[in-house]
Amino acid sequence: VWDSADPTRSSFHVTANAANIDTANAKRDQHLKSPDFFDAKQFPT
C-alpha cells in the first residue's frame, strides 16, 4: 500500500516459500530446505 503524499500511511507485506530457495546447486538447495537450515516442511513461509 503506497501513499506518496504521506508515506507513513504506506505498508509492505512480502512472503516467500522456503521451498523456492535456489543457490544454483541442487544438493546445497536440498540441505538448505532441511531442518539444519530453513526446515521448509515445518516452516514453509
PDB file of all heavy atoms in Angstrom:
ATOM      1  N   VAL A   1       0.892  -1.149   0.000  1.00  0.00           N
ATOM      2  CA  VAL A   1       0.000   0.000   0.000  1.00  0.00           C
ATOM      3  C   VAL A   1       0.935   1.204   0.000  1.00  0.00           C
ATOM      4  O   VAL A   1       1.727   1.378   0.931  1.00  0.00           O
ATOM      5  CB  VAL A   1      -0.935   0.017   1.231  1.00  0.00           C
ATOM      6  CG1 VAL A   1      -1.757   1.292   1.256  1.00  0.00           C
ATOM      7  CG2 VAL A   1      -1.829  -1.218   1.233  1.00  0.00           C
ATOM      8  N   TRP A   2       0.887   2.010  -1.066  1.00  0.00           N
ATOM      9  CA  TRP A   2       1.841   3.110  -1.229  1.00  0.00           C
ATOM     10  C   TRP A   2       1.094   4.435  -1.280  1.00  0.00           C
ATOM     11  O   TRP A   2       0.219   4.632  -2.102  1.00  0.00           O
ATOM     12  CB  TRP A   2       2.682   2.912  -2.477  1.00  0.00           C
ATOM     13  CG  TRP A   2       3.661   4.017  -2.712  1.00  0.00           C
ATOM     14  CD1 TRP A   2       3.711   4.878  -3.760  1.00  0.00           C
ATOM     15  CD2 TRP A   2       4.730   4.404  -1.839  1.00  0.00           C
ATOM     16  NE1 TRP A   2       4.750   5.767  -3.609  1.00  0.00           N
ATOM     17  CE2 TRP A   2       5.388   5.494  -2.422  1.00  0.00           C
ATOM     18  CE3 TRP A   2       5.190   3.928  -0.614  1.00  0.00           C
ATOM     19  CZ2 TRP A   2       6.479   6.121  -1.845  1.00  0.00           C
ATOM     20  CZ3 TRP A   2       6.276   4.548  -0.031  1.00  0.00           C
ATOM     21  CH2 TRP A   2       6.915   5.630  -0.645  1.00  0.00           C
ATOM     22  N   ASP A   3       1.474   5.326  -0.358  1.00  0.00           N
ATOM     23  CA  ASP A   3       0.899   6.665  -0.317  1.00  0.00           C
ATOM     24  C   ASP A   3       2.057   7.647  -0.480  1.00  0.00           C
ATOM     25  O   ASP A   3       2.770   7.941   0.482  1.00  0.00           O
ATOM     26  CB  ASP A   3       0.163   6.895   1.005  1.00  0.00           C
ATOM     27  CG  ASP A   3      -0.624   8.192   1.021  1.00  0.00           C
ATOM     28  OD1 ASP A   3      -0.218   9.153   0.335  1.00  0.00           O
ATOM     29  OD2 ASP A   3      -1.643   8.248   1.728  1.00  0.00           O
ATOM     30  N   SER A   4       2.258   8.127  -1.701  1.00  0.00           N
ATOM     31  CA  SER A   4       3.396   9.005  -1.971  1.00  0.00           C
ATOM     32  C   SER A   4       3.277  10.343  -1.257  1.00  0.00           C
ATOM     33  O   SER A   4       4.278  10.964  -0.925  1.00  0.00           O
ATOM     34  CB  SER A   4       3.563   9.218  -3.480  1.00  0.00           C
ATOM     35  OG  SER A   4       2.385   9.789  -4.016  1.00  0.00           O
ATOM     36  N   ALA A   5       2.049  10.796  -0.993  1.00  0.00           N
ATOM     37  CA  ALA A   5       1.848  12.071  -0.303  1.00  0.00           C
ATOM     38  C   ALA A   5       2.126  11.945   1.191  1.00  0.00           C
ATOM     39  O   ALA A   5       2.580  12.894   1.824  1.00  0.00           O
ATOM     40  CB  ALA A   5       0.430  12.581  -0.533  1.00  0.00           C
ATOM     41  N   ASP A   6       1.860  10.791   1.761  1.00  0.00           N
ATOM     42  CA  ASP A   6       2.082  10.550   3.188  1.00  0.00           C
ATOM     43  C   ASP A   6       2.595   9.128   3.366  1.00  0.00           C
ATOM     44  O   ASP A   6       1.836   8.202   3.651  1.00  0.00           O
ATOM     45  CB  ASP A   6       0.787  10.756   3.982  1.00  0.00           C
ATOM     46  CG  ASP A   6       0.995  10.583   5.485  1.00  0.00           C
ATOM     47  OD1 ASP A   6       2.145  10.338   5.921  1.00  0.00           O
ATOM     48  OD2 ASP A   6       0.001  10.680   6.222  1.00  0.00           O
ATOM     49  N   PRO A   7       3.913   8.921   3.161  1.00  0.00           N
ATOM     50  CA  PRO A   7       4.480   7.577   3.228  1.00  0.00           C
ATOM     51  C   PRO A   7       4.220   6.849   4.556  1.00  0.00           C
ATOM     52  O   PRO A   7       4.250   5.617   4.591  1.00  0.00           O
ATOM     53  CB  PRO A   7       5.979   7.808   3.024  1.00  0.00           C
ATOM     54  CG  PRO A   7       6.047   9.094   2.282  1.00  0.00           C
ATOM     55  CD  PRO A   7       4.915   9.925   2.795  1.00  0.00           C
ATOM     56  N   THR A   8       3.941   7.592   5.628  1.00  0.00           N
ATOM     57  CA  THR A   8       3.676   6.925   6.908  1.00  0.00           C
ATOM     58  C   THR A   8       2.406   6.081   6.843  1.00  0.00           C
ATOM     59  O   THR A   8       2.196   5.217   7.686  1.00  0.00           O
ATOM     60  CB  THR A   8       3.551   7.939   8.063  1.00  0.00           C
ATOM     61  OG1 THR A   8       2.430   8.795   7.823  1.00  0.00           O
ATOM     62  CG2 THR A   8       4.823   8.763   8.206  1.00  0.00           C
ATOM     63  N   ARG A   9       1.573   6.329   5.848  1.00  0.00           N
ATOM     64  CA  ARG A   9       0.352   5.529   5.666  1.00  0.00           C
ATOM     65  C   ARG A   9       0.590   4.326   4.751  1.00  0.00           C
ATOM     66  O   ARG A   9      -0.336   3.612   4.404  1.00  0.00           O
ATOM     67  CB  ARG A   9      -0.769   6.398   5.102  1.00  0.00           C
ATOM     68  CG  ARG A   9      -1.193   7.486   6.057  1.00  0.00           C
ATOM     69  CD  ARG A   9      -2.308   8.356   5.562  1.00  0.00           C
ATOM     70  NE  ARG A   9      -2.810   8.027   4.225  1.00  0.00           N
ATOM     71  CZ  ARG A   9      -3.822   8.627   3.657  1.00  0.00           C
ATOM     72  NH1 ARG A   9      -4.453   9.592   4.272  1.00  0.00           N
ATOM     73  NH2 ARG A   9      -4.217   8.297   2.443  1.00  0.00           N
ATOM     74  N   SER A  10       1.817   4.102   4.354  1.00  0.00           N
ATOM     75  CA  SER A  10       2.164   3.003   3.455  1.00  0.00           C
ATOM     76  C   SER A  10       2.456   1.736   4.246  1.00  0.00           C
ATOM     77  O   SER A  10       2.731   1.788   5.448  1.00  0.00           O
ATOM     78  CB  SER A  10       3.388   3.380   2.621  1.00  0.00           C
ATOM     79  OG  SER A  10       3.132   4.544   1.866  1.00  0.00           O
ATOM     80  N   SER A  11       2.402   0.596   3.546  1.00  0.00           N
ATOM     81  CA  SER A  11       2.739  -0.668   4.190  1.00  0.00           C
ATOM     82  C   SER A  11       3.274  -1.658   3.154  1.00  0.00           C
ATOM     83  O   SER A  11       2.991  -1.545   1.963  1.00  0.00           O
ATOM     84  CB  SER A  11       1.517  -1.260   4.906  1.00  0.00           C
ATOM     85  OG  SER A  11       0.512  -1.594   3.976  1.00  0.00           O
ATOM     86  N   PHE A  12       4.056  -2.600   3.650  1.00  0.00           N
ATOM     87  CA  PHE A  12       4.666  -3.637   2.819  1.00  0.00           C
ATOM     88  C   PHE A  12       4.434  -4.989   3.482  1.00  0.00           C
ATOM     89  O   PHE A  12       4.659  -5.129   4.688  1.00  0.00           O
ATOM     90  CB  PHE A  12       6.179  -3.405   2.699  1.00  0.00           C
ATOM     91  CG  PHE A  12       6.547  -2.152   1.968  1.00  0.00           C
ATOM     92  CD1 PHE A  12       6.495  -0.914   2.611  1.00  0.00           C
ATOM     93  CD2 PHE A  12       6.945  -2.199   0.648  1.00  0.00           C
ATOM     94  CE1 PHE A  12       6.836   0.249   1.950  1.00  0.00           C
ATOM     95  CE2 PHE A  12       7.292  -1.029  -0.026  1.00  0.00           C
ATOM     96  CZ  PHE A  12       7.240   0.188   0.622  1.00  0.00           C
ATOM     97  N   HIS A  13       4.002  -5.968   2.706  1.00  0.00           N
ATOM     98  CA  HIS A  13       3.847  -7.333   3.200  1.00  0.00           C
ATOM     99  C   HIS A  13       4.372  -8.260   2.110  1.00  0.00           C
ATOM    100  O   HIS A  13       3.806  -8.311   1.013  1.00  0.00           O
ATOM    101  CB  HIS A  13       2.395  -7.641   3.532  1.00  0.00           C
ATOM    102  CG  HIS A  13       2.210  -8.991   4.153  1.00  0.00           C
ATOM    103  ND1 HIS A  13       1.051  -9.683   4.060  1.00  0.00           N
ATOM    104  CD2 HIS A  13       3.045  -9.751   4.878  1.00  0.00           C
ATOM    105  CE1 HIS A  13       1.162 -10.836   4.706  1.00  0.00           C
ATOM    106  NE2 HIS A  13       2.378 -10.893   5.199  1.00  0.00           N
ATOM    107  N   VAL A  14       5.462  -8.948   2.412  1.00  0.00           N
ATOM    108  CA  VAL A  14       6.113  -9.811   1.428  1.00  0.00           C
ATOM    109  C   VAL A  14       6.245 -11.209   2.028  1.00  0.00           C
ATOM    110  O   VAL A  14       6.649 -11.363   3.180  1.00  0.00           O
ATOM    111  CB  VAL A  14       7.518  -9.266   1.060  1.00  0.00           C
ATOM    112  CG1 VAL A  14       8.216 -10.191   0.072  1.00  0.00           C
ATOM    113  CG2 VAL A  14       7.410  -7.854   0.496  1.00  0.00           C
ATOM    114  N   THR A  15       5.887 -12.213   1.225  1.00  0.00           N
ATOM    115  CA  THR A  15       6.054 -13.606   1.646  1.00  0.00           C
ATOM    116  C   THR A  15       6.835 -14.364   0.579  1.00  0.00           C
ATOM    117  O   THR A  15       6.849 -13.984  -0.593  1.00  0.00           O
ATOM    118  CB  THR A  15       4.704 -14.308   1.879  1.00  0.00           C
ATOM    119  OG1 THR A  15       3.977 -14.337   0.652  1.00  0.00           O
ATOM    120  CG2 THR A  15       3.891 -13.612   2.949  1.00  0.00           C
ATOM    121  N   ALA A  16       7.485 -15.424   1.017  1.00  0.00           N
ATOM    122  CA  ALA A  16       8.217 -16.289   0.098  1.00  0.00           C
ATOM    123  C   ALA A  16       8.121 -17.717   0.608  1.00  0.00           C
ATOM    124  O   ALA A  16       8.027 -17.955   1.813  1.00  0.00           O
ATOM    125  CB  ALA A  16       9.683 -15.857  -0.006  1.00  0.00           C
ATOM    126  N   ASN A  17       8.170 -18.640  -0.321  1.00  0.00           N
ATOM    127  CA  ASN A  17       8.096 -20.051   0.003  1.00  0.00           C
ATOM    128  C   ASN A  17       9.517 -20.581   0.181  1.00  0.00           C
ATOM    129  O   ASN A  17      10.330 -20.512  -0.744  1.00  0.00           O
ATOM    130  CB  ASN A  17       7.368 -20.788  -1.121  1.00  0.00           C
ATOM    131  CG  ASN A  17       7.070 -22.224  -0.791  1.00  0.00           C
ATOM    132  OD1 ASN A  17       7.773 -22.857  -0.015  1.00  0.00           O
ATOM    133  ND2 ASN A  17       6.023 -22.748  -1.390  1.00  0.00           N
ATOM    134  N   ALA A  18       9.803 -21.142   1.355  1.00  0.00           N
ATOM    135  CA  ALA A  18      11.151 -21.650   1.632  1.00  0.00           C
ATOM    136  C   ALA A  18      11.560 -22.738   0.649  1.00  0.00           C
ATOM    137  O   ALA A  18      12.755 -22.935   0.401  1.00  0.00           O
ATOM    138  CB  ALA A  18      11.231 -22.164   3.068  1.00  0.00           C
ATOM    139  N   ALA A  19      10.601 -23.439   0.065  1.00  0.00           N
ATOM    140  CA  ALA A  19      10.915 -24.474  -0.922  1.00  0.00           C
ATOM    141  C   ALA A  19      11.443 -23.884  -2.225  1.00  0.00           C
ATOM    142  O   ALA A  19      11.989 -24.612  -3.053  1.00  0.00           O
ATOM    143  CB  ALA A  19       9.676 -25.331  -1.194  1.00  0.00           C
ATOM    144  N   ASN A  20      11.311 -22.571  -2.409  1.00  0.00           N
ATOM    145  CA  ASN A  20      11.775 -21.918  -3.638  1.00  0.00           C
ATOM    146  C   ASN A  20      13.206 -21.411  -3.537  1.00  0.00           C
ATOM    147  O   ASN A  20      13.631 -20.589  -4.352  1.00  0.00           O
ATOM    148  CB  ASN A  20      10.847 -20.756  -3.999  1.00  0.00           C
ATOM    149  CG  ASN A  20       9.493 -21.234  -4.467  1.00  0.00           C
ATOM    150  OD1 ASN A  20       9.308 -22.400  -4.787  1.00  0.00           O
ATOM    151  ND2 ASN A  20       8.526 -20.341  -4.492  1.00  0.00           N
ATOM    152  N   ILE A  21      13.958 -21.881  -2.559  1.00  0.00           N
ATOM    153  CA  ILE A  21      15.349 -21.449  -2.420  1.00  0.00           C
ATOM    154  C   ILE A  21      16.175 -21.989  -3.585  1.00  0.00           C
ATOM    155  O   ILE A  21      15.970 -23.108  -4.042  1.00  0.00           O
ATOM    156  CB  ILE A  21      15.928 -21.884  -1.064  1.00  0.00           C
ATOM    157  CG1 ILE A  21      17.209 -21.124  -0.779  1.00  0.00           C
ATOM    158  CG2 ILE A  21      16.145 -23.369  -0.995  1.00  0.00           C
ATOM    159  CD1 ILE A  21      17.570 -21.100   0.677  1.00  0.00           C
ATOM    160  N   ASP A  22      17.089 -21.166  -4.084  1.00  0.00           N
ATOM    161  CA  ASP A  22      17.868 -21.526  -5.264  1.00  0.00           C
ATOM    162  C   ASP A  22      19.269 -20.935  -5.145  1.00  0.00           C
ATOM    163  O   ASP A  22      19.436 -19.719  -5.167  1.00  0.00           O
ATOM    164  CB  ASP A  22      17.165 -20.990  -6.515  1.00  0.00           C
ATOM    165  CG  ASP A  22      17.864 -21.357  -7.803  1.00  0.00           C
ATOM    166  OD1 ASP A  22      18.903 -22.071  -7.767  1.00  0.00           O
ATOM    167  OD2 ASP A  22      17.388 -20.922  -8.865  1.00  0.00           O
ATOM    168  N   THR A  23      20.245 -21.825  -5.018  1.00  0.00           N
ATOM    169  CA  THR A  23      21.644 -21.382  -4.976  1.00  0.00           C
ATOM    170  C   THR A  23      22.436 -21.903  -6.174  1.00  0.00           C
ATOM    171  O   THR A  23      23.658 -21.897  -6.164  1.00  0.00           O
ATOM    172  CB  THR A  23      22.338 -21.855  -3.678  1.00  0.00           C
ATOM    173  OG1 THR A  23      22.366 -23.292  -3.666  1.00  0.00           O
ATOM    174  CG2 THR A  23      21.631 -21.327  -2.443  1.00  0.00           C
ATOM    175  N   ALA A  24      21.713 -22.410  -7.184  1.00  0.00           N
ATOM    176  CA  ALA A  24      22.320 -22.974  -8.394  1.00  0.00           C
ATOM    177  C   ALA A  24      23.087 -24.258  -8.101  1.00  0.00           C
ATOM    178  O   ALA A  24      23.998 -24.633  -8.838  1.00  0.00           O
ATOM    179  CB  ALA A  24      23.208 -21.947  -9.101  1.00  0.00           C
ATOM    180  N   ASN A  25      22.730 -24.926  -6.998  1.00  0.00           N
ATOM    181  CA  ASN A  25      23.333 -26.208  -6.656  1.00  0.00           C
ATOM    182  C   ASN A  25      22.258 -27.054  -5.974  1.00  0.00           C
ATOM    183  O   ASN A  25      21.893 -26.774  -4.825  1.00  0.00           O
ATOM    184  CB  ASN A  25      24.545 -26.001  -5.738  1.00  0.00           C
ATOM    185  CG  ASN A  25      25.224 -27.300  -5.369  1.00  0.00           C
ATOM    186  OD1 ASN A  25      24.671 -28.112  -4.638  1.00  0.00           O
ATOM    187  ND2 ASN A  25      26.440 -27.473  -5.854  1.00  0.00           N
ATOM    188  N   ALA A  26      21.751 -28.073  -6.664  1.00  0.00           N
ATOM    189  CA  ALA A  26      20.616 -28.864  -6.170  1.00  0.00           C
ATOM    190  C   ALA A  26      20.897 -29.511  -4.819  1.00  0.00           C
ATOM    191  O   ALA A  26      20.025 -29.524  -3.936  1.00  0.00           O
ATOM    192  CB  ALA A  26      20.220 -29.921  -7.197  1.00  0.00           C
ATOM    193  N   LYS A  27      22.093 -30.041  -4.611  1.00  0.00           N
ATOM    194  CA  LYS A  27      22.424 -30.699  -3.343  1.00  0.00           C
ATOM    195  C   LYS A  27      22.406 -29.689  -2.192  1.00  0.00           C
ATOM    196  O   LYS A  27      21.850 -29.944  -1.121  1.00  0.00           O
ATOM    197  CB  LYS A  27      23.793 -31.378  -3.459  1.00  0.00           C
ATOM    198  CG  LYS A  27      24.166 -32.201  -2.257  1.00  0.00           C
ATOM    199  CD  LYS A  27      25.483 -32.937  -2.487  1.00  0.00           C
ATOM    200  CE  LYS A  27      25.867 -33.744  -1.254  1.00  0.00           C
ATOM    201  NZ  LYS A  27      27.148 -34.420  -1.427  1.00  0.00           N
ATOM    202  N   ARG A  28      23.002 -28.519  -2.414  1.00  0.00           N
ATOM    203  CA  ARG A  28      23.009 -27.477  -1.377  1.00  0.00           C
ATOM    204  C   ARG A  28      21.585 -26.976  -1.119  1.00  0.00           C
ATOM    205  O   ARG A  28      21.182 -26.770   0.025  1.00  0.00           O
ATOM    206  CB  ARG A  28      23.923 -26.323  -1.780  1.00  0.00           C
ATOM    207  CG  ARG A  28      23.927 -25.196  -0.750  1.00  0.00           C
ATOM    208  CD  ARG A  28      24.962 -24.132  -1.037  1.00  0.00           C
ATOM    209  NE  ARG A  28      24.917 -23.674  -2.404  1.00  0.00           N
ATOM    210  CZ  ARG A  28      26.014 -23.376  -3.124  1.00  0.00           C
ATOM    211  NH1 ARG A  28      27.208 -23.477  -2.602  1.00  0.00           N
ATOM    212  NH2 ARG A  28      25.899 -22.963  -4.369  1.00  0.00           N
ATOM    213  N   ASP A  29      20.797 -26.814  -2.186  1.00  0.00           N
ATOM    214  CA  ASP A  29      19.415 -26.353  -2.028  1.00  0.00           C
ATOM    215  C   ASP A  29      18.620 -27.318  -1.151  1.00  0.00           C
ATOM    216  O   ASP A  29      17.864 -26.887  -0.276  1.00  0.00           O
ATOM    217  CB  ASP A  29      18.730 -26.196  -3.386  1.00  0.00           C
ATOM    218  CG  ASP A  29      19.322 -25.073  -4.221  1.00  0.00           C
ATOM    219  OD1 ASP A  29      20.120 -24.273  -3.680  1.00  0.00           O
ATOM    220  OD2 ASP A  29      18.992 -25.011  -5.421  1.00  0.00           O
ATOM    221  N   GLN A  30      18.779 -28.622  -1.379  1.00  0.00           N
ATOM    222  CA  GLN A  30      18.071 -29.611  -0.554  1.00  0.00           C
ATOM    223  C   GLN A  30      18.515 -29.507   0.904  1.00  0.00           C
ATOM    224  O   GLN A  30      17.695 -29.614   1.817  1.00  0.00           O
ATOM    225  CB  GLN A  30      18.303 -31.040  -1.084  1.00  0.00           C
ATOM    226  CG  GLN A  30      17.552 -31.321  -2.362  1.00  0.00           C
ATOM    227  CD  GLN A  30      16.051 -31.060  -2.223  1.00  0.00           C
ATOM    228  OE1 GLN A  30      15.402 -31.427  -1.252  1.00  0.00           O
ATOM    229  NE2 GLN A  30      15.492 -30.369  -3.213  1.00  0.00           N
ATOM    230  N   HIS A  31      19.809 -29.292   1.136  1.00  0.00           N
ATOM    231  CA  HIS A  31      20.299 -29.151   2.502  1.00  0.00           C
ATOM    232  C   HIS A  31      19.724 -27.897   3.159  1.00  0.00           C
ATOM    233  O   HIS A  31      19.321 -27.912   4.324  1.00  0.00           O
ATOM    234  CB  HIS A  31      21.824 -29.131   2.527  1.00  0.00           C
ATOM    235  CG  HIS A  31      22.389 -29.248   3.899  1.00  0.00           C
ATOM    236  ND1 HIS A  31      23.673 -28.856   4.215  1.00  0.00           N
ATOM    237  CD2 HIS A  31      21.858 -29.714   5.066  1.00  0.00           C
ATOM    238  CE1 HIS A  31      23.896 -29.078   5.509  1.00  0.00           C
ATOM    239  NE2 HIS A  31      22.810 -29.594   6.044  1.00  0.00           N
ATOM    240  N   LEU A  32      19.647 -26.790   2.410  1.00  0.00           N
ATOM    241  CA  LEU A  32      19.088 -25.556   2.962  1.00  0.00           C
ATOM    242  C   LEU A  32      17.599 -25.690   3.308  1.00  0.00           C
ATOM    243  O   LEU A  32      17.113 -25.033   4.227  1.00  0.00           O
ATOM    244  CB  LEU A  32      19.295 -24.391   1.990  1.00  0.00           C
ATOM    245  CG  LEU A  32      20.731 -23.897   1.856  1.00  0.00           C
ATOM    246  CD1 LEU A  32      20.852 -22.891   0.718  1.00  0.00           C
ATOM    247  CD2 LEU A  32      21.229 -23.301   3.154  1.00  0.00           C
ATOM    248  N   LYS A  33      16.885 -26.555   2.604  1.00  0.00           N
ATOM    249  CA  LYS A  33      15.461 -26.794   2.885  1.00  0.00           C
ATOM    250  C   LYS A  33      15.265 -27.738   4.072  1.00  0.00           C
ATOM    251  O   LYS A  33      14.167 -27.840   4.607  1.00  0.00           O
ATOM    252  CB  LYS A  33      14.769 -27.366   1.648  1.00  0.00           C
ATOM    253  CG  LYS A  33      14.734 -26.408   0.474  1.00  0.00           C
ATOM    254  CD  LYS A  33      14.190 -27.100  -0.773  1.00  0.00           C
ATOM    255  CE  LYS A  33      14.461 -26.264  -2.009  1.00  0.00           C
ATOM    256  NZ  LYS A  33      14.011 -26.919  -3.241  1.00  0.00           N
ATOM    257  N   SER A  34      16.323 -28.391   4.512  1.00  0.00           N
ATOM    258  CA  SER A  34      16.237 -29.389   5.585  1.00  0.00           C
ATOM    259  C   SER A  34      16.146 -28.717   6.959  1.00  0.00           C
ATOM    260  O   SER A  34      16.329 -27.504   7.085  1.00  0.00           O
ATOM    261  CB  SER A  34      17.473 -30.293   5.538  1.00  0.00           C
ATOM    262  OG  SER A  34      18.593 -29.630   6.130  1.00  0.00           O
ATOM    263  N   PRO A  35      15.895 -29.515   8.010  1.00  0.00           N
ATOM    264  CA  PRO A  35      15.846 -28.960   9.371  1.00  0.00           C
ATOM    265  C   PRO A  35      17.156 -28.294   9.828  1.00  0.00           C
ATOM    266  O   PRO A  35      17.138 -27.498  10.765  1.00  0.00           O
ATOM    267  CB  PRO A  35      15.511 -30.173  10.237  1.00  0.00           C
ATOM    268  CG  PRO A  35      14.743 -31.080   9.321  1.00  0.00           C
ATOM    269  CD  PRO A  35      15.418 -30.907   7.972  1.00  0.00           C
ATOM    270  N   ASP A  36      18.273 -28.568   9.157  1.00  0.00           N
ATOM    271  CA  ASP A  36      19.531 -27.896   9.515  1.00  0.00           C
ATOM    272  C   ASP A  36      19.456 -26.388   9.272  1.00  0.00           C
ATOM    273  O   ASP A  36      20.139 -25.615   9.939  1.00  0.00           O
ATOM    274  CB  ASP A  36      20.700 -28.455   8.701  1.00  0.00           C
ATOM    275  CG  ASP A  36      21.136 -29.842   9.151  1.00  0.00           C
ATOM    276  OD1 ASP A  36      20.774 -30.247  10.277  1.00  0.00           O
ATOM    277  OD2 ASP A  36      21.829 -30.515   8.364  1.00  0.00           O
ATOM    278  N   PHE A  37      18.650 -25.990   8.302  1.00  0.00           N
ATOM    279  CA  PHE A  37      18.565 -24.576   7.946  1.00  0.00           C
ATOM    280  C   PHE A  37      17.121 -24.075   8.018  1.00  0.00           C
ATOM    281  O   PHE A  37      16.629 -23.758   9.083  1.00  0.00           O
ATOM    282  CB  PHE A  37      19.168 -24.331   6.553  1.00  0.00           C
ATOM    283  CG  PHE A  37      20.658 -24.503   6.520  1.00  0.00           C
ATOM    284  CD1 PHE A  37      21.225 -25.708   6.134  1.00  0.00           C
ATOM    285  CD2 PHE A  37      21.504 -23.476   6.896  1.00  0.00           C
ATOM    286  CE1 PHE A  37      22.606 -25.876   6.113  1.00  0.00           C
ATOM    287  CE2 PHE A  37      22.883 -23.616   6.887  1.00  0.00           C
ATOM    288  CZ  PHE A  37      23.434 -24.830   6.496  1.00  0.00           C
ATOM    289  N   PHE A  38      16.423 -23.993   6.892  1.00  0.00           N
ATOM    290  CA  PHE A  38      15.085 -23.382   6.855  1.00  0.00           C
ATOM    291  C   PHE A  38      13.965 -24.303   7.327  1.00  0.00           C
ATOM    292  O   PHE A  38      12.897 -23.831   7.676  1.00  0.00           O
ATOM    293  CB  PHE A  38      14.764 -22.883   5.439  1.00  0.00           C
ATOM    294  CG  PHE A  38      15.557 -21.680   5.048  1.00  0.00           C
ATOM    295  CD1 PHE A  38      16.652 -21.786   4.208  1.00  0.00           C
ATOM    296  CD2 PHE A  38      15.214 -20.416   5.522  1.00  0.00           C
ATOM    297  CE1 PHE A  38      17.384 -20.672   3.843  1.00  0.00           C
ATOM    298  CE2 PHE A  38      15.939 -19.293   5.177  1.00  0.00           C
ATOM    299  CZ  PHE A  38      17.032 -19.422   4.329  1.00  0.00           C
ATOM    300  N   ASP A  39      14.191 -25.616   7.313  1.00  0.00           N
ATOM    301  CA  ASP A  39      13.161 -26.582   7.695  1.00  0.00           C
ATOM    302  C   ASP A  39      11.868 -26.271   6.945  1.00  0.00           C
ATOM    303  O   ASP A  39      10.811 -26.003   7.523  1.00  0.00           O
ATOM    304  CB  ASP A  39      12.940 -26.563   9.202  1.00  0.00           C
ATOM    305  CG  ASP A  39      12.248 -27.825   9.704  1.00  0.00           C
ATOM    306  OD1 ASP A  39      11.850 -28.665   8.873  1.00  0.00           O
ATOM    307  OD2 ASP A  39      12.089 -27.952  10.928  1.00  0.00           O
ATOM    308  N   ALA A  40      11.950 -26.330   5.624  1.00  0.00           N
ATOM    309  CA  ALA A  40      10.864 -25.891   4.748  1.00  0.00           C
ATOM    310  C   ALA A  40       9.564 -26.665   4.931  1.00  0.00           C
ATOM    311  O   ALA A  40       8.493 -26.117   4.704  1.00  0.00           O
ATOM    312  CB  ALA A  40      11.314 -25.967   3.290  1.00  0.00           C
ATOM    313  N   LYS A  41       9.643 -27.917   5.353  1.00  0.00           N
ATOM    314  CA  LYS A  41       8.403 -28.679   5.564  1.00  0.00           C
ATOM    315  C   LYS A  41       7.643 -28.161   6.779  1.00  0.00           C
ATOM    316  O   LYS A  41       6.431 -28.011   6.747  1.00  0.00           O
ATOM    317  CB  LYS A  41       8.703 -30.165   5.710  1.00  0.00           C
ATOM    318  CG  LYS A  41       9.032 -30.825   4.398  1.00  0.00           C
ATOM    319  CD  LYS A  41       9.195 -32.310   4.543  1.00  0.00           C
ATOM    320  CE  LYS A  41       9.585 -32.898   3.194  1.00  0.00           C
ATOM    321  NZ  LYS A  41       9.860 -34.324   3.277  1.00  0.00           N
ATOM    322  N   GLN A  42       8.353 -27.905   7.865  1.00  0.00           N
ATOM    323  CA  GLN A  42       7.692 -27.424   9.079  1.00  0.00           C
ATOM    324  C   GLN A  42       7.388 -25.926   9.026  1.00  0.00           C
ATOM    325  O   GLN A  42       6.391 -25.470   9.565  1.00  0.00           O
ATOM    326  CB  GLN A  42       8.546 -27.723  10.311  1.00  0.00           C
ATOM    327  CG  GLN A  42       7.842 -27.354  11.605  1.00  0.00           C
ATOM    328  CD  GLN A  42       8.586 -27.840  12.838  1.00  0.00           C
ATOM    329  OE1 GLN A  42       9.520 -28.618  12.771  1.00  0.00           O
ATOM    330  NE2 GLN A  42       8.160 -27.351  13.982  1.00  0.00           N
ATOM    331  N   PHE A  43       8.253 -25.161   8.365  1.00  0.00           N
ATOM    332  CA  PHE A  43       8.101 -23.701   8.282  1.00  0.00           C
ATOM    333  C   PHE A  43       8.155 -23.278   6.810  1.00  0.00           C
ATOM    334  O   PHE A  43       9.163 -22.733   6.352  1.00  0.00           O
ATOM    335  CB  PHE A  43       9.198 -23.000   9.078  1.00  0.00           C
ATOM    336  CG  PHE A  43       9.290 -23.439  10.514  1.00  0.00           C
ATOM    337  CD1 PHE A  43      10.306 -24.281  10.941  1.00  0.00           C
ATOM    338  CD2 PHE A  43       8.338 -23.014  11.435  1.00  0.00           C
ATOM    339  CE1 PHE A  43      10.380 -24.690  12.267  1.00  0.00           C
ATOM    340  CE2 PHE A  43       8.410 -23.414  12.766  1.00  0.00           C
ATOM    341  CZ  PHE A  43       9.432 -24.258  13.182  1.00  0.00           C
ATOM    342  N   PRO A  44       7.085 -23.509   6.065  1.00  0.00           N
ATOM    343  CA  PRO A  44       7.125 -23.285   4.618  1.00  0.00           C
ATOM    344  C   PRO A  44       7.183 -21.825   4.186  1.00  0.00           C
ATOM    345  O   PRO A  44       7.621 -21.540   3.078  1.00  0.00           O
ATOM    346  CB  PRO A  44       5.827 -23.939   4.119  1.00  0.00           C
ATOM    347  CG  PRO A  44       4.917 -23.911   5.299  1.00  0.00           C
ATOM    348  CD  PRO A  44       5.806 -24.062   6.514  1.00  0.00           C
ATOM    349  N   THR A  45       6.791 -20.899   5.058  1.00  0.00           N
ATOM    350  CA  THR A  45       6.683 -19.499   4.626  1.00  0.00           C
ATOM    351  C   THR A  45       7.638 -18.598   5.396  1.00  0.00           C
ATOM    352  O   THR A  45       7.725 -18.662   6.614  1.00  0.00           O
ATOM    353  CB  THR A  45       5.242 -18.995   4.826  1.00  0.00           C
ATOM    354  OG1 THR A  45       4.360 -19.858   4.109  1.00  0.00           O
ATOM    355  CG2 THR A  45       5.078 -17.579   4.309  1.00  0.00           C
TER     356      THR A  45
END
